[in-house]
Amino acid sequence: MNILLLTISLYAPWVHSLKEKRSIVKSLVVKLRNNYNVSVVESEDQNLHQKITISIAAITFNSFKSDNLESKIIDFIEANTEASIINIEKEIR
């Protein structure tokens, strides 16, 4: 078994309030949880308006499934938000 840990940083230049940011984050977190059965949390930068950092954790059976899930999650994020991905940190244990 593998544990996949992803930390993804996004940049949303049009966001001008924390309320607007939290709406985007909440929507993204709920969609990721429902579609991929993963644990998701906003892990950093809670007080910055335009930067979103989420951490995602999942248990997979092997590294192939971890890589496949990572690819699907990144594609999903790119398709479901206008924010651009600025950094991805990956760890498999």
PDB file of N, CA and C in Angstrom:
ATOM      1  N   MET A   1       0.830  -1.187   0.000  1.00  0.00           N
ATOM      2  CA  MET A   1       0.000   0.000   0.000  1.00  0.00           C
ATOM      3  C   MET A   1       0.871   1.246   0.000  1.00  0.00           C
ATOM      4  N   ASN A   2       0.377   2.267  -0.653  1.00  0.00           N
ATOM      5  CA  ASN A   2       1.068   3.553  -0.733  1.00  0.00           C
ATOM      6  C   ASN A   2       0.173   4.652  -0.167  1.00  0.00           C
ATOM      7  N   ILE A   3       0.799   5.654   0.391  1.00  0.00           N
ATOM      8  CA  ILE A   3       0.088   6.867   0.802  1.00  0.00           C
ATOM      9  C   ILE A   3       0.553   7.986  -0.116  1.00  0.00           C
ATOM     10  N   LEU A   4      -0.383   8.560  -0.846  1.00  0.00           N
ATOM     11  CA  LEU A   4      -0.094   9.674  -1.744  1.00  0.00           C
ATOM     12  C   LEU A   4      -0.394  10.977  -1.017  1.00  0.00           C
ATOM     13  N   LEU A   5       0.588  11.860  -0.965  1.00  0.00           N
ATOM     14  CA  LEU A   5       0.420  13.186  -0.371  1.00  0.00           C
ATOM     15  C   LEU A   5       0.748  14.243  -1.421  1.00  0.00           C
ATOM     16  N   LEU A   6      -0.215  15.085  -1.727  1.00  0.00           N
ATOM     17  CA  LEU A   6      -0.020  16.165  -2.687  1.00  0.00           C
ATOM     18  C   LEU A   6      -0.283  17.492  -1.997  1.00  0.00           C
ATOM     19  N   THR A   7       0.573  18.458  -2.237  1.00  0.00           N
ATOM     20  CA  THR A   7       0.325  19.831  -1.805  1.00  0.00           C
ATOM     21  C   THR A   7       0.353  20.680  -3.064  1.00  0.00           C
ATOM     22  N   ILE A   8      -0.783  21.275  -3.359  1.00  0.00           N
ATOM     23  CA  ILE A   8      -0.942  22.030  -4.604  1.00  0.00           C
ATOM     24  C   ILE A   8      -1.211  23.491  -4.273  1.00  0.00           C
ATOM     25  N   SER A   9      -0.404  24.377  -4.857  1.00  0.00           N
ATOM     26  CA  SER A   9      -0.580  25.820  -4.683  1.00  0.00           C
ATOM     27  C   SER A   9      -1.177  26.397  -5.950  1.00  0.00           C
ATOM     28  N   LEU A  10      -2.188  27.229  -5.765  1.00  0.00           N
ATOM     29  CA  LEU A  10      -2.893  27.857  -6.887  1.00  0.00           C
ATOM     30  C   LEU A  10      -2.824  29.372  -6.739  1.00  0.00           C
ATOM     31  N   TYR A  11      -2.877  30.065  -7.851  1.00  0.00           N
ATOM     32  CA  TYR A  11      -2.894  31.522  -7.850  1.00  0.00           C
ATOM     33  C   TYR A  11      -4.167  31.987  -8.536  1.00  0.00           C
ATOM     34  N   ALA A  12      -4.942  32.806  -7.834  1.00  0.00           N
ATOM     35  CA  ALA A  12      -6.215  33.320  -8.349  1.00  0.00           C
ATOM     36  C   ALA A  12      -6.178  34.854  -8.288  1.00  0.00           C
ATOM     37  N   PRO A  13      -5.683  35.506  -9.348  1.00  0.00           N
ATOM     38  CA  PRO A  13      -5.473  36.961  -9.306  1.00  0.00           C
ATOM     39  C   PRO A  13      -6.754  37.789  -9.220  1.00  0.00           C
ATOM     40  N   TRP A  14      -7.900  37.248  -9.563  1.00  0.00           N
ATOM     41  CA  TRP A  14      -9.150  37.998  -9.548  1.00  0.00           C
ATOM     42  C   TRP A  14      -9.804  38.053  -8.161  1.00  0.00           C
ATOM     43  N   VAL A  15      -9.314  37.270  -7.201  1.00  0.00           N
ATOM     44  CA  VAL A  15      -9.905  37.210  -5.867  1.00  0.00           C
ATOM     45  C   VAL A  15      -9.504  38.445  -5.063  1.00  0.00           C
ATOM     46  N   HIS A  16     -10.499  39.121  -4.470  1.00  0.00           N
ATOM     47  CA  HIS A  16     -10.227  40.348  -3.729  1.00  0.00           C
ATOM     48  C   HIS A  16     -10.673  40.295  -2.276  1.00  0.00           C
ATOM     49  N   SER A  17     -11.196  39.154  -1.834  1.00  0.00           N
ATOM     50  CA  SER A  17     -11.592  39.041  -0.429  1.00  0.00           C
ATOM     51  C   SER A  17     -11.414  37.601   0.038  1.00  0.00           C
ATOM     52  N   LEU A  18     -11.276  37.440   1.337  1.00  0.00           N
ATOM     53  CA  LEU A  18     -11.154  36.093   1.896  1.00  0.00           C
ATOM     54  C   LEU A  18     -12.456  35.316   1.724  1.00  0.00           C
ATOM     55  N   LYS A  19     -13.574  36.022   1.762  1.00  0.00           N
ATOM     56  CA  LYS A  19     -14.866  35.365   1.569  1.00  0.00           C
ATOM     57  C   LYS A  19     -14.950  34.742   0.175  1.00  0.00           C
ATOM     58  N   GLU A  20     -14.515  35.466  -0.816  1.00  0.00           N
ATOM     59  CA  GLU A  20     -14.511  34.963  -2.193  1.00  0.00           C
ATOM     60  C   GLU A  20     -13.557  33.771  -2.321  1.00  0.00           C
ATOM     61  N   LYS A  21     -12.397  33.879  -1.700  1.00  0.00           N
ATOM     62  CA  LYS A  21     -11.416  32.792  -1.745  1.00  0.00           C
ATOM     63  C   LYS A  21     -11.975  31.536  -1.083  1.00  0.00           C
ATOM     64  N   ARG A  22     -12.566  31.686   0.096  1.00  0.00           N
ATOM     65  CA  ARG A  22     -13.083  30.530   0.825  1.00  0.00           C
ATOM     66  C   ARG A  22     -14.197  29.832   0.045  1.00  0.00           C
ATOM     67  N   SER A  23     -14.968  30.586  -0.705  1.00  0.00           N
ATOM     68  CA  SER A  23     -16.007  29.999  -1.557  1.00  0.00           C
ATOM     69  C   SER A  23     -15.381  29.096  -2.621  1.00  0.00           C
ATOM     70  N   ILE A  24     -14.311  29.554  -3.227  1.00  0.00           N
ATOM     71  CA  ILE A  24     -13.600  28.773  -4.247  1.00  0.00           C
ATOM     72  C   ILE A  24     -12.993  27.523  -3.625  1.00  0.00           C
ATOM     73  N   VAL A  25     -12.344  27.701  -2.484  1.00  0.00           N
ATOM     74  CA  VAL A  25     -11.691  26.580  -1.808  1.00  0.00           C
ATOM     75  C   VAL A  25     -12.720  25.532  -1.389  1.00  0.00           C
ATOM     76  N   LYS A  26     -13.806  25.981  -0.779  1.00  0.00           N
ATOM     77  CA  LYS A  26     -14.829  25.045  -0.301  1.00  0.00           C
ATOM     78  C   LYS A  26     -15.395  24.229  -1.457  1.00  0.00           C
ATOM     79  N   SER A  27     -15.696  24.870  -2.558  1.00  0.00           N
ATOM     80  CA  SER A  27     -16.218  24.171  -3.726  1.00  0.00           C
ATOM     81  C   SER A  27     -15.229  23.125  -4.238  1.00  0.00           C
ATOM     82  N   LEU A  28     -13.981  23.506  -4.350  1.00  0.00           N
ATOM     83  CA  LEU A  28     -12.947  22.599  -4.844  1.00  0.00           C
ATOM     84  C   LEU A  28     -12.741  21.417  -3.896  1.00  0.00           C
ATOM     85  N   VAL A  29     -12.705  21.683  -2.608  1.00  0.00           N
ATOM     86  CA  VAL A  29     -12.506  20.622  -1.611  1.00  0.00           C
ATOM     87  C   VAL A  29     -13.649  19.611  -1.663  1.00  0.00           C
ATOM     88  N   VAL A  30     -14.877  20.091  -1.706  1.00  0.00           N
ATOM     89  CA  VAL A  30     -16.038  19.191  -1.743  1.00  0.00           C
ATOM     90  C   VAL A  30     -16.029  18.342  -3.011  1.00  0.00           C
ATOM     91  N   LYS A  31     -15.735  18.958  -4.139  1.00  0.00           N
ATOM     92  CA  LYS A  31     -15.714  18.211  -5.409  1.00  0.00           C
ATOM     93  C   LYS A  31     -14.621  17.147  -5.417  1.00  0.00           C
ATOM     94  N   LEU A  32     -13.442  17.485  -4.908  1.00  0.00           N
ATOM     95  CA  LEU A  32     -12.354  16.497  -4.862  1.00  0.00           C
ATOM     96  C   LEU A  32     -12.706  15.337  -3.938  1.00  0.00           C
ATOM     97  N   ARG A  33     -13.261  15.642  -2.778  1.00  0.00           N
ATOM     98  CA  ARG A  33     -13.652  14.582  -1.837  1.00  0.00           C
ATOM     99  C   ARG A  33     -14.689  13.654  -2.458  1.00  0.00           C
ATOM    100  N   ASN A  34     -15.693  14.233  -3.094  1.00  0.00           N
ATOM    101  CA  ASN A  34     -16.777  13.435  -3.664  1.00  0.00           C
ATOM    102  C   ASN A  34     -16.339  12.612  -4.876  1.00  0.00           C
ATOM    103  N   ASN A  35     -15.513  13.184  -5.723  1.00  0.00           N
ATOM    104  CA  ASN A  35     -15.127  12.497  -6.966  1.00  0.00           C
ATOM    105  C   ASN A  35     -14.018  11.470  -6.793  1.00  0.00           C
ATOM    106  N   TYR A  36     -13.110  11.697  -5.838  1.00  0.00           N
ATOM    107  CA  TYR A  36     -11.924  10.845  -5.746  1.00  0.00           C
ATOM    108  C   TYR A  36     -11.743  10.162  -4.392  1.00  0.00           C
ATOM    109  N   ASN A  37     -12.664  10.378  -3.451  1.00  0.00           N
ATOM    110  CA  ASN A  37     -12.597   9.745  -2.135  1.00  0.00           C
ATOM    111  C   ASN A  37     -11.227   9.960  -1.482  1.00  0.00           C
ATOM    112  N   VAL A  38     -10.810  11.215  -1.435  1.00  0.00           N
ATOM    113  CA  VAL A  38      -9.526  11.602  -0.850  1.00  0.00           C
ATOM    114  C   VAL A  38      -9.778  12.559   0.307  1.00  0.00           C
ATOM    115  N   SER A  39      -8.780  12.725   1.150  1.00  0.00           N
ATOM    116  CA  SER A  39      -8.835  13.726   2.211  1.00  0.00           C
ATOM    117  C   SER A  39      -8.223  15.014   1.675  1.00  0.00           C
ATOM    118  N   VAL A  40      -8.931  16.119   1.857  1.00  0.00           N
ATOM    119  CA  VAL A  40      -8.471  17.407   1.326  1.00  0.00           C
ATOM    120  C   VAL A  40      -8.644  18.472   2.397  1.00  0.00           C
ATOM    121  N   VAL A  41      -7.647  19.349   2.491  1.00  0.00           N
ATOM    122  CA  VAL A  41      -7.714  20.451   3.447  1.00  0.00           C
ATOM    123  C   VAL A  41      -6.946  21.651   2.879  1.00  0.00           C
ATOM    124  N   GLU A  42      -7.424  22.855   3.201  1.00  0.00           N
ATOM    125  CA  GLU A  42      -6.641  24.048   2.875  1.00  0.00           C
ATOM    126  C   GLU A  42      -5.546  24.122   3.924  1.00  0.00           C
ATOM    127  N   SER A  43      -4.314  23.924   3.517  1.00  0.00           N
ATOM    128  CA  SER A  43      -3.236  23.707   4.478  1.00  0.00           C
ATOM    129  C   SER A  43      -2.374  24.930   4.780  1.00  0.00           C
ATOM    130  N   GLU A  44      -2.331  25.897   3.908  1.00  0.00           N
ATOM    131  CA  GLU A  44      -1.483  27.079   4.115  1.00  0.00           C
ATOM    132  C   GLU A  44      -2.162  28.297   3.513  1.00  0.00           C
ATOM    133  N   ASP A  45      -1.602  29.444   3.805  1.00  0.00           N
ATOM    134  CA  ASP A  45      -1.999  30.707   3.170  1.00  0.00           C
ATOM    135  C   ASP A  45      -3.475  31.047   3.363  1.00  0.00           C
ATOM    136  N   GLN A  46      -4.046  30.698   4.518  1.00  0.00           N
ATOM    137  CA  GLN A  46      -5.459  30.978   4.755  1.00  0.00           C
ATOM    138  C   GLN A  46      -5.788  32.468   4.768  1.00  0.00           C
ATOM    139  N   ASN A  47      -4.819  33.306   5.092  1.00  0.00           N
ATOM    140  CA  ASN A  47      -5.083  34.741   5.188  1.00  0.00           C
ATOM    141  C   ASN A  47      -4.627  35.536   3.974  1.00  0.00           C
ATOM    142  N   LEU A  48      -4.186  34.860   2.926  1.00  0.00           N
ATOM    143  CA  LEU A  48      -3.814  35.538   1.686  1.00  0.00           C
ATOM    144  C   LEU A  48      -4.966  35.415   0.693  1.00  0.00           C
ATOM    145  N   HIS A  49      -5.329  36.516   0.074  1.00  0.00           N
ATOM    146  CA  HIS A  49      -6.484  36.518  -0.819  1.00  0.00           C
ATOM    147  C   HIS A  49      -6.286  35.710  -2.090  1.00  0.00           C
ATOM    148  N   GLN A  50      -5.148  35.815  -2.706  1.00  0.00           N
ATOM    149  CA  GLN A  50      -4.993  35.286  -4.056  1.00  0.00           C
ATOM    150  C   GLN A  50      -4.224  33.971  -4.149  1.00  0.00           C
ATOM    151  N   LYS A  51      -3.720  33.466  -3.047  1.00  0.00           N
ATOM    152  CA  LYS A  51      -2.987  32.207  -3.075  1.00  0.00           C
ATOM    153  C   LYS A  51      -3.768  31.146  -2.306  1.00  0.00           C
ATOM    154  N   ILE A  52      -3.957  29.998  -2.949  1.00  0.00           N
ATOM    155  CA  ILE A  52      -4.679  28.875  -2.363  1.00  0.00           C
ATOM    156  C   ILE A  52      -3.722  27.694  -2.294  1.00  0.00           C
ATOM    157  N   THR A  53      -3.587  27.102  -1.127  1.00  0.00           N
ATOM    158  CA  THR A  53      -2.750  25.914  -0.978  1.00  0.00           C
ATOM    159  C   THR A  53      -3.592  24.825  -0.343  1.00  0.00           C
ATOM    160  N   ILE A  54      -3.744  23.724  -1.070  1.00  0.00           N
ATOM    161  CA  ILE A  54      -4.507  22.592  -0.544  1.00  0.00           C
ATOM    162  C   ILE A  54      -3.602  21.371  -0.460  1.00  0.00           C
ATOM    163  N   SER A  55      -3.871  20.541   0.529  1.00  0.00           N
ATOM    164  CA  SER A  55      -3.145  19.282   0.675  1.00  0.00           C
ATOM    165  C   SER A  55      -4.143  18.147   0.514  1.00  0.00           C
ATOM    166  N   ILE A  56      -3.719  17.120  -0.202  1.00  0.00           N
ATOM    167  CA  ILE A  56      -4.576  15.986  -0.534  1.00  0.00           C
ATOM    168  C   ILE A  56      -3.853  14.717  -0.123  1.00  0.00           C
ATOM    169  N   ALA A  57      -4.575  13.814   0.535  1.00  0.00           N
ATOM    170  CA  ALA A  57      -4.004  12.537   0.956  1.00  0.00           C
ATOM    171  C   ALA A  57      -4.925  11.410   0.498  1.00  0.00           C
ATOM    172  N   ALA A  58      -4.303  10.313   0.042  1.00  0.00           N
ATOM    173  CA  ALA A  58      -5.071   9.137  -0.390  1.00  0.00           C
ATOM    174  C   ALA A  58      -4.228   7.888  -0.187  1.00  0.00           C
ATOM    175  N   ILE A  59      -4.902   6.796   0.043  1.00  0.00           N
ATOM    176  CA  ILE A  59      -4.227   5.501   0.146  1.00  0.00           C
ATOM    177  C   ILE A  59      -4.504   4.734  -1.134  1.00  0.00           C
ATOM    178  N   THR A  60      -3.437   4.231  -1.754  1.00  0.00           N
ATOM    179  CA  THR A  60      -3.573   3.459  -2.987  1.00  0.00           C
ATOM    180  C   THR A  60      -2.853   2.122  -2.830  1.00  0.00           C
ATOM    181  N   PHE A  61      -3.141   1.216  -3.751  1.00  0.00           N
ATOM    182  CA  PHE A  61      -2.559  -0.120  -3.659  1.00  0.00           C
ATOM    183  C   PHE A  61      -1.129  -0.201  -4.167  1.00  0.00           C
ATOM    184  N   ASN A  62      -0.789   0.652  -5.144  1.00  0.00           N
ATOM    185  CA  ASN A  62       0.568   0.613  -5.682  1.00  0.00           C
ATOM    186  C   ASN A  62       0.929   1.966  -6.279  1.00  0.00           C
ATOM    187  N   SER A  63       2.169   2.105  -6.710  1.00  0.00           N
ATOM    188  CA  SER A  63       2.638   3.394  -7.232  1.00  0.00           C
ATOM    189  C   SER A  63       1.971   3.756  -8.557  1.00  0.00           C
ATOM    190  N   PHE A  64       1.591   2.764  -9.357  1.00  0.00           N
ATOM    191  CA  PHE A  64       0.890   3.044 -10.617  1.00  0.00           C
ATOM    192  C   PHE A  64      -0.439   3.742 -10.327  1.00  0.00           C
ATOM    193  N   LYS A  65      -1.185   3.230  -9.358  1.00  0.00           N
ATOM    194  CA  LYS A  65      -2.466   3.850  -9.000  1.00  0.00           C
ATOM    195  C   LYS A  65      -2.253   5.235  -8.390  1.00  0.00           C
ATOM    196  N   SER A  66      -1.173   5.414  -7.641  1.00  0.00           N
ATOM    197  CA  SER A  66      -0.853   6.736  -7.080  1.00  0.00           C
ATOM    198  C   SER A  66      -0.599   7.742  -8.188  1.00  0.00           C
ATOM    199  N   ASP A  67       0.203   7.350  -9.168  1.00  0.00           N
ATOM    200  CA  ASP A  67       0.497   8.243 -10.293  1.00  0.00           C
ATOM    201  C   ASP A  67      -0.763   8.558 -11.094  1.00  0.00           C
ATOM    202  N   ASN A  68      -1.597   7.551 -11.300  1.00  0.00           N
ATOM    203  CA  ASN A  68      -2.836   7.727 -12.047  1.00  0.00           C
ATOM    204  C   ASN A  68      -3.780   8.687 -11.307  1.00  0.00           C
ATOM    205  N   LEU A  69      -3.913   8.498  -9.996  1.00  0.00           N
ATOM    206  CA  LEU A  69      -4.773   9.368  -9.195  1.00  0.00           C
ATOM    207  C   LEU A  69      -4.239  10.798  -9.190  1.00  0.00           C
ATOM    208  N   GLU A  70      -2.938  10.947  -9.058  1.00  0.00           N
ATOM    209  CA  GLU A  70      -2.331  12.287  -9.088  1.00  0.00           C
ATOM    210  C   GLU A  70      -2.660  12.999 -10.396  1.00  0.00           C
ATOM    211  N   SER A  71      -2.509  12.305 -11.487  1.00  0.00           N
ATOM    212  CA  SER A  71      -2.793  12.884 -12.800  1.00  0.00           C
ATOM    213  C   SER A  71      -4.263  13.298 -12.918  1.00  0.00           C
ATOM    214  N   LYS A  72      -5.157  12.445 -12.457  1.00  0.00           N
ATOM    215  CA  LYS A  72      -6.587  12.754 -12.522  1.00  0.00           C
ATOM    216  C   LYS A  72      -6.936  13.963 -11.653  1.00  0.00           C
ATOM    217  N   ILE A  73      -6.347  14.046 -10.472  1.00  0.00           N
ATOM    218  CA  ILE A  73      -6.618  15.166  -9.568  1.00  0.00           C
ATOM    219  C   ILE A  73      -6.132  16.478 -10.168  1.00  0.00           C
ATOM    220  N   ILE A  74      -4.933  16.473 -10.723  1.00  0.00           N
ATOM    221  CA  ILE A  74      -4.394  17.698 -11.329  1.00  0.00           C
ATOM    222  C   ILE A  74      -5.249  18.129 -12.519  1.00  0.00           C
ATOM    223  N   ASP A  75      -5.625  17.180 -13.361  1.00  0.00           N
ATOM    224  CA  ASP A  75      -6.496  17.500 -14.500  1.00  0.00           C
ATOM    225  C   ASP A  75      -7.836  18.054 -14.024  1.00  0.00           C
ATOM    226  N   PHE A  76      -8.376  17.466 -12.971  1.00  0.00           N
ATOM    227  CA  PHE A  76      -9.656  17.912 -12.420  1.00  0.00           C
ATOM    228  C   PHE A  76      -9.555  19.345 -11.907  1.00  0.00           C
ATOM    229  N   ILE A  77      -8.499  19.642 -11.180  1.00  0.00           N
ATOM    230  CA  ILE A  77      -8.316  21.000 -10.645  1.00  0.00           C
ATOM    231  C   ILE A  77      -8.193  22.009 -11.782  1.00  0.00           C
ATOM    232  N   GLU A  78      -7.417  21.674 -12.795  1.00  0.00           N
ATOM    233  CA  GLU A  78      -7.252  22.582 -13.932  1.00  0.00           C
ATOM    234  C   GLU A  78      -8.574  22.815 -14.664  1.00  0.00           C
ATOM    235  N   ALA A  79      -9.419  21.792 -14.729  1.00  0.00           N
ATOM    236  CA  ALA A  79     -10.689  21.909 -15.442  1.00  0.00           C
ATOM    237  C   ALA A  79     -11.780  22.599 -14.624  1.00  0.00           C
ATOM    238  N   ASN A  80     -11.664  22.578 -13.300  1.00  0.00           N
ATOM    239  CA  ASN A  80     -12.754  23.054 -12.455  1.00  0.00           C
ATOM    240  C   ASN A  80     -12.490  24.351 -11.712  1.00  0.00           C
ATOM    241  N   THR A  81     -11.392  24.996 -12.000  1.00  0.00           N
ATOM    242  CA  THR A  81     -11.142  26.313 -11.417  1.00  0.00           C
ATOM    243  C   THR A  81     -10.360  27.157 -12.407  1.00  0.00           C
ATOM    244  N   GLU A  82     -10.566  28.457 -12.302  1.00  0.00           N
ATOM    245  CA  GLU A  82      -9.832  29.376 -13.173  1.00  0.00           C
ATOM    246  C   GLU A  82      -8.456  29.698 -12.619  1.00  0.00           C
ATOM    247  N   ALA A  83      -8.207  29.310 -11.377  1.00  0.00           N
ATOM    248  CA  ALA A  83      -6.906  29.554 -10.759  1.00  0.00           C
ATOM    249  C   ALA A  83      -5.843  28.711 -11.453  1.00  0.00           C
ATOM    250  N   SER A  84      -4.653  29.252 -11.539  1.00  0.00           N
ATOM    251  CA  SER A  84      -3.563  28.518 -12.179  1.00  0.00           C
ATOM    252  C   SER A  84      -2.697  27.828 -11.125  1.00  0.00           C
ATOM    253  N   ILE A  85      -2.266  26.624 -11.447  1.00  0.00           N
ATOM    254  CA  ILE A  85      -1.410  25.871 -10.548  1.00  0.00           C
ATOM    255  C   ILE A  85      -0.005  26.446 -10.624  1.00  0.00           C
ATOM    256  N   ILE A  86       0.552  26.833  -9.471  1.00  0.00           N
ATOM    257  CA  ILE A  86       1.891  27.410  -9.465  1.00  0.00           C
ATOM    258  C   ILE A  86       2.930  26.463  -8.853  1.00  0.00           C
ATOM    259  N   ASN A  87       2.471  25.456  -8.083  1.00  0.00           N
ATOM    260  CA  ASN A  87       3.423  24.527  -7.488  1.00  0.00           C
ATOM    261  C   ASN A  87       2.706  23.243  -7.103  1.00  0.00           C
ATOM    262  N   ILE A  88       3.395  22.111  -7.301  1.00  0.00           N
ATOM    263  CA  ILE A  88       2.878  20.816  -6.882  1.00  0.00           C
ATOM    264  C   ILE A  88       4.002  20.090  -6.163  1.00  0.00           C
ATOM    265  N   GLU A  89       3.736  19.693  -4.943  1.00  0.00           N
ATOM    266  CA  GLU A  89       4.693  18.870  -4.184  1.00  0.00           C
ATOM    267  C   GLU A  89       4.061  17.503  -3.979  1.00  0.00           C
ATOM    268  N   LYS A  90       4.816  16.475  -4.306  1.00  0.00           N
ATOM    269  CA  LYS A  90       4.306  15.108  -4.234  1.00  0.00           C
ATOM    270  C   LYS A  90       5.192  14.261  -3.330  1.00  0.00           C
ATOM    271  N   GLU A  91       4.528  13.424  -2.536  1.00  0.00           N
ATOM    272  CA  GLU A  91       5.259  12.485  -1.695  1.00  0.00           C
ATOM    273  C   GLU A  91       4.473  11.179  -1.672  1.00  0.00           C
ATOM    274  N   ILE A  92       5.193  10.088  -1.860  1.00  0.00           N
ATOM    275  CA  ILE A  92       4.571   8.770  -1.761  1.00  0.00           C
ATOM    276  C   ILE A  92       5.317   8.008  -0.671  1.00  0.00           C
ATOM    277  N   ARG A  93       4.548   7.441   0.230  1.00  0.00           N
ATOM    278  CA  ARG A  93       5.152   6.676   1.324  1.00  0.00           C
ATOM    279  C   ARG A  93       4.693   5.246   1.237  1.00  0.00           C
TER     280      ARG A  93
END
